[in-house]
PDB file of all heavy atoms in Angstrom:
ATOM      1  N   PHE A   1      11.999  32.005  57.240  1.00  0.00           N
ATOM      2  CA  PHE A   1      11.686  30.613  56.912  1.00  0.00           C
ATOM      3  C   PHE A   1      12.479  30.045  55.738  1.00  0.00           C
ATOM      4  O   PHE A   1      12.415  28.848  55.471  1.00  0.00           O
ATOM      5  CB  PHE A   1      10.187  30.466  56.616  1.00  0.00           C
ATOM      6  CG  PHE A   1       9.709  31.190  55.371  1.00  0.00           C
ATOM      7  CD1 PHE A   1       9.664  30.532  54.150  1.00  0.00           C
ATOM      8  CD2 PHE A   1       9.305  32.510  55.434  1.00  0.00           C
ATOM      9  CE1 PHE A   1       9.228  31.194  53.009  1.00  0.00           C
ATOM     10  CE2 PHE A   1       8.856  33.176  54.309  1.00  0.00           C
ATOM     11  CZ  PHE A   1       8.824  32.517  53.086  1.00  0.00           C
ATOM     12  N   ALA A   2      13.269  30.879  55.033  1.00  0.00           N
ATOM     13  CA  ALA A   2      14.034  30.374  53.889  1.00  0.00           C
ATOM     14  C   ALA A   2      15.070  31.406  53.467  1.00  0.00           C
ATOM     15  O   ALA A   2      15.008  32.577  53.857  1.00  0.00           O
ATOM     16  CB  ALA A   2      13.109  30.055  52.710  1.00  0.00           C
ATOM     17  N   THR A   3      16.029  30.949  52.670  1.00  0.00           N
ATOM     18  CA  THR A   3      16.994  31.850  52.029  1.00  0.00           C
ATOM     19  C   THR A   3      17.088  31.485  50.554  1.00  0.00           C
ATOM     20  O   THR A   3      16.704  30.384  50.149  1.00  0.00           O
ATOM     21  CB  THR A   3      18.394  31.751  52.666  1.00  0.00           C
ATOM     22  OG1 THR A   3      18.851  30.385  52.621  1.00  0.00           O
ATOM     23  CG2 THR A   3      18.386  32.226  54.115  1.00  0.00           C
ATOM     24  N   ASN A   4      17.609  32.425  49.763  1.00  0.00           N
ATOM     25  CA  ASN A   4      17.713  32.205  48.326  1.00  0.00           C
ATOM     26  C   ASN A   4      18.866  33.036  47.774  1.00  0.00           C
ATOM     27  O   ASN A   4      19.223  34.068  48.357  1.00  0.00           O
ATOM     28  CB  ASN A   4      16.402  32.615  47.637  1.00  0.00           C
ATOM     29  CG  ASN A   4      16.050  31.739  46.450  1.00  0.00           C
ATOM     30  OD1 ASN A   4      16.871  30.970  45.973  1.00  0.00           O
ATOM     31  ND2 ASN A   4      14.825  31.852  45.978  1.00  0.00           N
ATOM     32  N   VAL A   5      19.443  32.609  46.676  1.00  0.00           N
ATOM     33  CA  VAL A   5      20.509  33.364  46.022  1.00  0.00           C
ATOM     34  C   VAL A   5      20.230  33.460  44.525  1.00  0.00           C
ATOM     35  O   VAL A   5      19.444  32.691  43.976  1.00  0.00           O
ATOM     36  CB  VAL A   5      21.900  32.721  46.238  1.00  0.00           C
ATOM     37  CG1 VAL A   5      22.293  32.759  47.706  1.00  0.00           C
ATOM     38  CG2 VAL A   5      21.926  31.290  45.724  1.00  0.00           C
ATOM     39  N   LEU A   6      20.890  34.394  43.895  1.00  0.00           N
ATOM     40  CA  LEU A   6      20.700  34.615  42.469  1.00  0.00           C
ATOM     41  C   LEU A   6      21.399  33.550  41.620  1.00  0.00           C
ATOM     42  O   LEU A   6      22.404  32.960  42.028  1.00  0.00           O
ATOM     43  CB  LEU A   6      21.242  35.987  42.065  1.00  0.00           C
ATOM     44  CG  LEU A   6      20.551  37.223  42.645  1.00  0.00           C
ATOM     45  CD1 LEU A   6      21.295  38.482  42.206  1.00  0.00           C
ATOM     46  CD2 LEU A   6      19.098  37.281  42.205  1.00  0.00           C
ATOM     47  N   GLU A   7      20.857  33.343  40.445  1.00  0.00           N
ATOM     48  CA  GLU A   7      21.484  32.513  39.429  1.00  0.00           C
ATOM     49  C   GLU A   7      21.126  33.099  38.065  1.00  0.00           C
ATOM     50  O   GLU A   7      20.066  33.702  37.897  1.00  0.00           O
ATOM     51  CB  GLU A   7      21.002  31.055  39.520  1.00  0.00           C
ATOM     52  CG  GLU A   7      21.713  30.120  38.550  1.00  0.00           C
ATOM     53  CD  GLU A   7      21.401  28.651  38.787  1.00  0.00           C
ATOM     54  OE1 GLU A   7      20.797  28.337  39.841  1.00  0.00           O
ATOM     55  OE2 GLU A   7      21.748  27.822  37.927  1.00  0.00           O
ATOM     56  N   ILE A   8      22.013  32.941  37.111  1.00  0.00           N
ATOM     57  CA  ILE A   8      21.750  33.424  35.759  1.00  0.00           C
ATOM     58  C   ILE A   8      20.902  32.391  35.029  1.00  0.00           C
ATOM     59  O   ILE A   8      21.233  31.205  35.016  1.00  0.00           O
ATOM     60  CB  ILE A   8      23.066  33.653  34.988  1.00  0.00           C
ATOM     61  CG1 ILE A   8      23.932  34.693  35.699  1.00  0.00           C
ATOM     62  CG2 ILE A   8      22.769  34.103  33.550  1.00  0.00           C
ATOM     63  CD1 ILE A   8      25.373  34.746  35.174  1.00  0.00           C
ATOM     64  N   ALA A   9      19.801  32.849  34.449  1.00  0.00           N
ATOM     65  CA  ALA A   9      18.982  31.981  33.596  1.00  0.00           C
ATOM     66  C   ALA A   9      19.204  32.397  32.155  1.00  0.00           C
ATOM     67  O   ALA A   9      19.060  33.574  31.812  1.00  0.00           O
ATOM     68  CB  ALA A   9      17.507  32.121  33.958  1.00  0.00           C
ATOM     69  N   THR A  10      19.582  31.452  31.320  1.00  0.00           N
ATOM     70  CA  THR A  10      19.777  31.744  29.901  1.00  0.00           C
ATOM     71  C   THR A  10      18.750  30.954  29.093  1.00  0.00           C
ATOM     72  O   THR A  10      18.108  30.035  29.604  1.00  0.00           O
ATOM     73  CB  THR A  10      21.179  31.350  29.424  1.00  0.00           C
ATOM     74  OG1 THR A  10      21.282  29.908  29.371  1.00  0.00           O
ATOM     75  CG2 THR A  10      22.255  31.887  30.362  1.00  0.00           C
ATOM     76  N   ALA A  11      18.617  31.303  27.831  1.00  0.00           N
ATOM     77  CA  ALA A  11      17.776  30.516  26.945  1.00  0.00           C
ATOM     78  C   ALA A  11      18.271  29.079  26.959  1.00  0.00           C
ATOM     79  O   ALA A  11      19.457  28.815  27.185  1.00  0.00           O
ATOM     80  CB  ALA A  11      17.827  31.089  25.532  1.00  0.00           C
ATOM     81  N   ALA A  12      17.374  28.129  26.761  1.00  0.00           N
ATOM     82  CA  ALA A  12      17.741  26.712  26.825  1.00  0.00           C
ATOM     83  C   ALA A  12      18.957  26.424  25.958  1.00  0.00           C
ATOM     84  O   ALA A  12      19.023  26.815  24.793  1.00  0.00           O
ATOM     85  CB  ALA A  12      16.559  25.859  26.374  1.00  0.00           C
ATOM     86  N   GLY A  13      19.934  25.750  26.559  1.00  0.00           N
ATOM     87  CA  GLY A  13      21.155  25.421  25.829  1.00  0.00           C
ATOM     88  C   GLY A  13      22.218  26.497  25.902  1.00  0.00           C
ATOM     89  O   GLY A  13      23.339  26.301  25.425  1.00  0.00           O
ATOM     90  N   ASN A  14      21.875  27.659  26.488  1.00  0.00           N
ATOM     91  CA  ASN A  14      22.814  28.767  26.648  1.00  0.00           C
ATOM     92  C   ASN A  14      23.503  29.129  25.328  1.00  0.00           C
ATOM     93  O   ASN A  14      24.737  29.123  25.225  1.00  0.00           O
ATOM     94  CB  ASN A  14      23.873  28.405  27.705  1.00  0.00           C
ATOM     95  CG  ASN A  14      24.708  29.611  28.154  1.00  0.00           C
ATOM     96  OD1 ASN A  14      24.413  30.754  27.809  1.00  0.00           O
ATOM     97  ND2 ASN A  14      25.752  29.332  28.917  1.00  0.00           N
ATOM     98  N   PRO A  15      22.726  29.462  24.286  1.00  0.00           N
ATOM     99  CA  PRO A  15      23.325  29.759  22.974  1.00  0.00           C
ATOM    100  C   PRO A  15      24.270  30.963  22.981  1.00  0.00           C
ATOM    101  O   PRO A  15      25.163  31.056  22.124  1.00  0.00           O
ATOM    102  CB  PRO A  15      22.105  30.024  22.083  1.00  0.00           C
ATOM    103  CG  PRO A  15      21.009  30.393  23.028  1.00  0.00           C
ATOM    104  CD  PRO A  15      21.262  29.582  24.266  1.00  0.00           C
ATOM    105  N   ALA A  16      24.093  31.890  23.933  1.00  0.00           N
ATOM    106  CA  ALA A  16      24.963  33.065  23.993  1.00  0.00           C
ATOM    107  C   ALA A  16      26.287  32.764  24.686  1.00  0.00           C
ATOM    108  O   ALA A  16      27.197  33.605  24.686  1.00  0.00           O
ATOM    109  CB  ALA A  16      24.249  34.199  24.713  1.00  0.00           C
ATOM    110  N   GLY A  17      26.395  31.572  25.275  1.00  0.00           N
ATOM    111  CA  GLY A  17      27.654  31.166  25.904  1.00  0.00           C
ATOM    112  C   GLY A  17      28.005  31.942  27.160  1.00  0.00           C
ATOM    113  O   GLY A  17      29.179  32.218  27.425  1.00  0.00           O
ATOM    114  N   VAL A  18      27.012  32.282  27.960  1.00  0.00           N
ATOM    115  CA  VAL A  18      27.254  33.003  29.212  1.00  0.00           C
ATOM    116  C   VAL A  18      27.887  32.060  30.230  1.00  0.00           C
ATOM    117  O   VAL A  18      27.370  30.967  30.475  1.00  0.00           O
ATOM    118  CB  VAL A  18      25.930  33.565  29.779  1.00  0.00           C
ATOM    119  CG1 VAL A  18      26.169  34.234  31.133  1.00  0.00           C
ATOM    120  CG2 VAL A  18      25.308  34.544  28.796  1.00  0.00           C
ATOM    121  N   THR A  19      28.988  32.492  30.821  1.00  0.00           N
ATOM    122  CA  THR A  19      29.670  31.646  31.807  1.00  0.00           C
ATOM    123  C   THR A  19      29.923  32.348  33.138  1.00  0.00           C
ATOM    124  O   THR A  19      30.339  31.707  34.098  1.00  0.00           O
ATOM    125  CB  THR A  19      31.029  31.150  31.258  1.00  0.00           C
ATOM    126  OG1 THR A  19      31.866  32.282  30.988  1.00  0.00           O
ATOM    127  CG2 THR A  19      30.836  30.325  29.982  1.00  0.00           C
ATOM    128  N   SER A  20      29.691  33.661  33.187  1.00  0.00           N
ATOM    129  CA  SER A  20      29.997  34.399  34.413  1.00  0.00           C
ATOM    130  C   SER A  20      29.101  35.618  34.544  1.00  0.00           C
ATOM    131  O   SER A  20      28.425  36.025  33.590  1.00  0.00           O
ATOM    132  CB  SER A  20      31.458  34.859  34.396  1.00  0.00           C
ATOM    133  OG  SER A  20      31.656  35.837  33.373  1.00  0.00           O
ATOM    134  N   PHE A  21      29.121  36.213  35.740  1.00  0.00           N
ATOM    135  CA  PHE A  21      28.358  37.441  35.959  1.00  0.00           C
ATOM    136  C   PHE A  21      28.887  38.551  35.067  1.00  0.00           C
ATOM    137  O   PHE A  21      28.114  39.338  34.509  1.00  0.00           O
ATOM    138  CB  PHE A  21      28.439  37.849  37.428  1.00  0.00           C
ATOM    139  CG  PHE A  21      27.625  39.066  37.771  1.00  0.00           C
ATOM    140  CD1 PHE A  21      26.256  38.960  37.975  1.00  0.00           C
ATOM    141  CD2 PHE A  21      28.222  40.317  37.879  1.00  0.00           C
ATOM    142  CE1 PHE A  21      25.489  40.090  38.289  1.00  0.00           C
ATOM    143  CE2 PHE A  21      27.467  41.446  38.192  1.00  0.00           C
ATOM    144  CZ  PHE A  21      26.090  41.328  38.394  1.00  0.00           C
ATOM    145  N   ALA A  22      30.201  38.629  34.898  1.00  0.00           N
ATOM    146  CA  ALA A  22      30.813  39.678  34.070  1.00  0.00           C
ATOM    147  C   ALA A  22      30.345  39.592  32.624  1.00  0.00           C
ATOM    148  O   ALA A  22      30.240  40.624  31.942  1.00  0.00           O
ATOM    149  CB  ALA A  22      32.333  39.571  34.144  1.00  0.00           C
ATOM    150  N   ASP A  23      30.027  38.383  32.155  1.00  0.00           N
ATOM    151  CA  ASP A  23      29.557  38.223  30.774  1.00  0.00           C
ATOM    152  C   ASP A  23      28.256  38.981  30.524  1.00  0.00           C
ATOM    153  O   ASP A  23      27.951  39.351  29.384  1.00  0.00           O
ATOM    154  CB  ASP A  23      29.338  36.738  30.453  1.00  0.00           C
ATOM    155  CG  ASP A  23      30.635  35.986  30.239  1.00  0.00           C
ATOM    156  OD1 ASP A  23      31.692  36.642  30.130  1.00  0.00           O
ATOM    157  OD2 ASP A  23      30.587  34.744  30.189  1.00  0.00           O
ATOM    158  N   LEU A  24      27.486  39.209  31.579  1.00  0.00           N
ATOM    159  CA  LEU A  24      26.206  39.888  31.428  1.00  0.00           C
ATOM    160  C   LEU A  24      26.366  41.349  31.025  1.00  0.00           C
ATOM    161  O   LEU A  24      25.385  41.993  30.618  1.00  0.00           O
ATOM    162  CB  LEU A  24      25.402  39.797  32.722  1.00  0.00           C
ATOM    163  CG  LEU A  24      25.032  38.394  33.203  1.00  0.00           C
ATOM    164  CD1 LEU A  24      24.229  38.469  34.504  1.00  0.00           C
ATOM    165  CD2 LEU A  24      24.243  37.635  32.144  1.00  0.00           C
ATOM    166  N   ALA A  25      27.585  41.869  31.138  1.00  0.00           N
ATOM    167  CA  ALA A  25      27.844  43.261  30.759  1.00  0.00           C
ATOM    168  C   ALA A  25      28.218  43.403  29.285  1.00  0.00           C
ATOM    169  O   ALA A  25      28.418  44.528  28.795  1.00  0.00           O
ATOM    170  CB  ALA A  25      28.954  43.835  31.634  1.00  0.00           C
ATOM    171  N   GLU A  26      28.296  42.279  28.564  1.00  0.00           N
ATOM    172  CA  GLU A  26      28.626  42.344  27.138  1.00  0.00           C
ATOM    173  C   GLU A  26      27.566  43.163  26.402  1.00  0.00           C
ATOM    174  O   GLU A  26      26.356  42.942  26.588  1.00  0.00           O
ATOM    175  CB  GLU A  26      28.695  40.937  26.550  1.00  0.00           C
ATOM    176  CG  GLU A  26      29.853  40.078  27.063  1.00  0.00           C
ATOM    177  CD  GLU A  26      31.205  40.634  26.616  1.00  0.00           C
ATOM    178  OE1 GLU A  26      31.273  41.251  25.533  1.00  0.00           O
ATOM    179  OE2 GLU A  26      32.185  40.463  27.375  1.00  0.00           O
ATOM    180  N   PRO A  27      27.991  44.122  25.568  1.00  0.00           N
ATOM    181  CA  PRO A  27      27.035  45.041  24.935  1.00  0.00           C
ATOM    182  C   PRO A  27      26.023  44.386  23.999  1.00  0.00           C
ATOM    183  O   PRO A  27      24.927  44.907  23.804  1.00  0.00           O
ATOM    184  CB  PRO A  27      27.946  46.014  24.169  1.00  0.00           C
ATOM    185  CG  PRO A  27      29.237  45.271  23.992  1.00  0.00           C
ATOM    186  CD  PRO A  27      29.387  44.428  25.206  1.00  0.00           C
ATOM    187  N   ASP A  28      26.379  43.260  23.401  1.00  0.00           N
ATOM    188  CA  ASP A  28      25.466  42.614  22.454  1.00  0.00           C
ATOM    189  C   ASP A  28      24.497  41.643  23.125  1.00  0.00           C
ATOM    190  O   ASP A  28      23.652  41.046  22.447  1.00  0.00           O
ATOM    191  CB  ASP A  28      26.272  41.857  21.382  1.00  0.00           C
ATOM    192  CG  ASP A  28      27.092  42.795  20.518  1.00  0.00           C
ATOM    193  OD1 ASP A  28      26.701  43.972  20.380  1.00  0.00           O
ATOM    194  OD2 ASP A  28      28.132  42.360  19.982  1.00  0.00           O
ATOM    195  N   LEU A  29      24.619  41.494  24.437  1.00  0.00           N
ATOM    196  CA  LEU A  29      23.778  40.540  25.159  1.00  0.00           C
ATOM    197  C   LEU A  29      22.529  41.231  25.694  1.00  0.00           C
ATOM    198  O   LEU A  29      22.611  42.275  26.343  1.00  0.00           O
ATOM    199  CB  LEU A  29      24.572  39.927  26.328  1.00  0.00           C
ATOM    200  CG  LEU A  29      24.021  38.632  26.926  1.00  0.00           C
ATOM    201  CD1 LEU A  29      24.205  37.480  25.953  1.00  0.00           C
ATOM    202  CD2 LEU A  29      24.719  38.324  28.251  1.00  0.00           C
ATOM    203  N   LYS A  30      21.368  40.664  25.399  1.00  0.00           N
ATOM    204  CA  LYS A  30      20.105  41.205  25.918  1.00  0.00           C
ATOM    205  C   LYS A  30      19.846  40.605  27.299  1.00  0.00           C
ATOM    206  O   LYS A  30      19.516  39.426  27.418  1.00  0.00           O
ATOM    207  CB  LYS A  30      18.958  40.893  24.966  1.00  0.00           C
ATOM    208  CG  LYS A  30      19.035  41.624  23.638  1.00  0.00           C
ATOM    209  CD  LYS A  30      17.811  41.373  22.778  1.00  0.00           C
ATOM    210  CE  LYS A  30      17.741  39.931  22.309  1.00  0.00           C
ATOM    211  NZ  LYS A  30      16.576  39.697  21.398  1.00  0.00           N
TER     212      LYS A  30
END
């Protein structure tokens, strides 16, 4: 009845500056 895909959710305003999936592997990023 439906399909869905992933999206990155960041804190409001994206203070960590995440722009890509690869950015999620940065060691300092929680």
